[in-house]
Protein backbone atom coordinates (compact mmCIF):
# COMPACT_ATOMS: atom_id res chain seq x y z
CA UNK A 1 -3.36 -12.64 -4.80
CA UNK A 2 -2.40 -16.24 -5.24
CA UNK A 3 1.20 -15.47 -3.80
CA UNK A 4 -0.61 -13.88 -1.07
CA UNK A 5 -2.45 -17.42 -0.15
CA UNK A 6 0.50 -19.48 -1.51
CA UNK A 7 3.31 -18.12 0.85
CA UNK A 8 1.49 -18.76 4.29
CA UNK A 9 0.79 -22.45 3.21
CA UNK A 10 4.77 -22.46 2.22
CA UNK A 11 5.60 -21.23 5.70
CA UNK A 12 3.39 -24.02 7.29
CA UNK A 13 4.99 -26.80 5.40
CA UNK A 14 8.63 -25.65 5.91
CA UNK A 15 9.18 -23.10 3.77
CA UNK A 16 10.38 -19.40 4.23
CA UNK A 17 8.75 -18.83 7.95
CA UNK A 18 8.12 -15.05 7.37
CA UNK A 19 7.80 -15.06 3.74
CA UNK A 20 4.44 -13.98 3.75
CA UNK A 21 4.63 -10.66 5.64
CA UNK A 22 5.61 -8.49 2.96
CA UNK A 23 2.32 -9.56 0.92
CA UNK A 24 0.45 -8.93 4.11
CA UNK A 25 1.74 -5.62 4.48
CA UNK A 26 1.01 -4.61 0.99
CA UNK A 27 -2.82 -5.77 1.36
CA UNK A 28 -2.84 -4.03 4.87
CA UNK A 29 -2.05 -0.65 3.05
CA UNK A 30 -4.14 -1.05 0.12
CA UNK A 31 -6.80 -1.75 2.43
CA UNK A 32 -6.07 1.23 4.64
CA UNK A 33 -5.45 3.68 1.95
CA UNK A 34 -8.97 2.82 0.57
CA UNK A 35 -10.48 3.50 4.09
CA UNK A 36 -8.81 6.52 4.66
CA UNK A 37 -9.97 7.85 1.23
CA UNK A 38 -13.57 6.60 1.64
CA UNK A 39 -13.37 8.52 4.90
CA UNK A 40 -12.11 11.75 3.47
CA UNK A 41 -14.47 11.57 0.50
CA UNK A 42 -17.27 11.04 3.05
CA UNK A 43 -16.43 14.26 5.02
CA UNK A 44 -15.09 16.93 2.32
CA UNK A 45 -16.57 15.14 -0.75
CA UNK A 46 -14.38 15.50 -3.88
CA UNK A 47 -12.13 18.04 -2.48
CA UNK A 48 -10.52 14.93 -0.85
CA UNK A 49 -8.89 14.02 -4.29
CA UNK A 50 -6.36 16.92 -3.57
CA UNK A 51 -4.81 15.18 -0.74
CA UNK A 52 -4.29 12.25 -3.16
CA UNK A 53 -2.75 14.82 -5.53
CA UNK A 54 -0.42 16.31 -2.55
CA UNK A 55 0.61 12.85 -2.11
CA UNK A 56 1.36 12.06 -5.35
CA UNK A 57 3.46 15.09 -5.78
CA UNK A 58 5.09 14.84 -2.75
CA UNK A 59 6.14 10.96 -3.94
CA UNK A 60 7.43 12.32 -6.97
CA UNK A 61 9.37 15.18 -5.58
CA UNK A 62 11.11 12.27 -3.20
CA UNK A 63 11.99 10.13 -6.13
CA UNK A 64 13.04 12.88 -8.53
CA UNK A 65 15.60 14.27 -5.66
CA UNK A 66 16.68 10.73 -4.43
CA UNK A 67 17.35 9.44 -8.21
CA UNK A 68 20.90 9.65 -9.00
CA UNK A 69 21.40 9.11 -12.64
């Protein structure tokens, strides 16, 4: 959180002009994920956990297929 505040101030004082955007996108993704999770829980209660489990399984499968070791 400290770097999220430090990067815009650095950009204002002559640092990397767009260096703060990745942190903003990370925070925006976290907020959107929490809002979507809250809405899913509101609509379908604990069955919403299966969406998170399916997403985690899909990401794990993508990593397993694309990892070249």
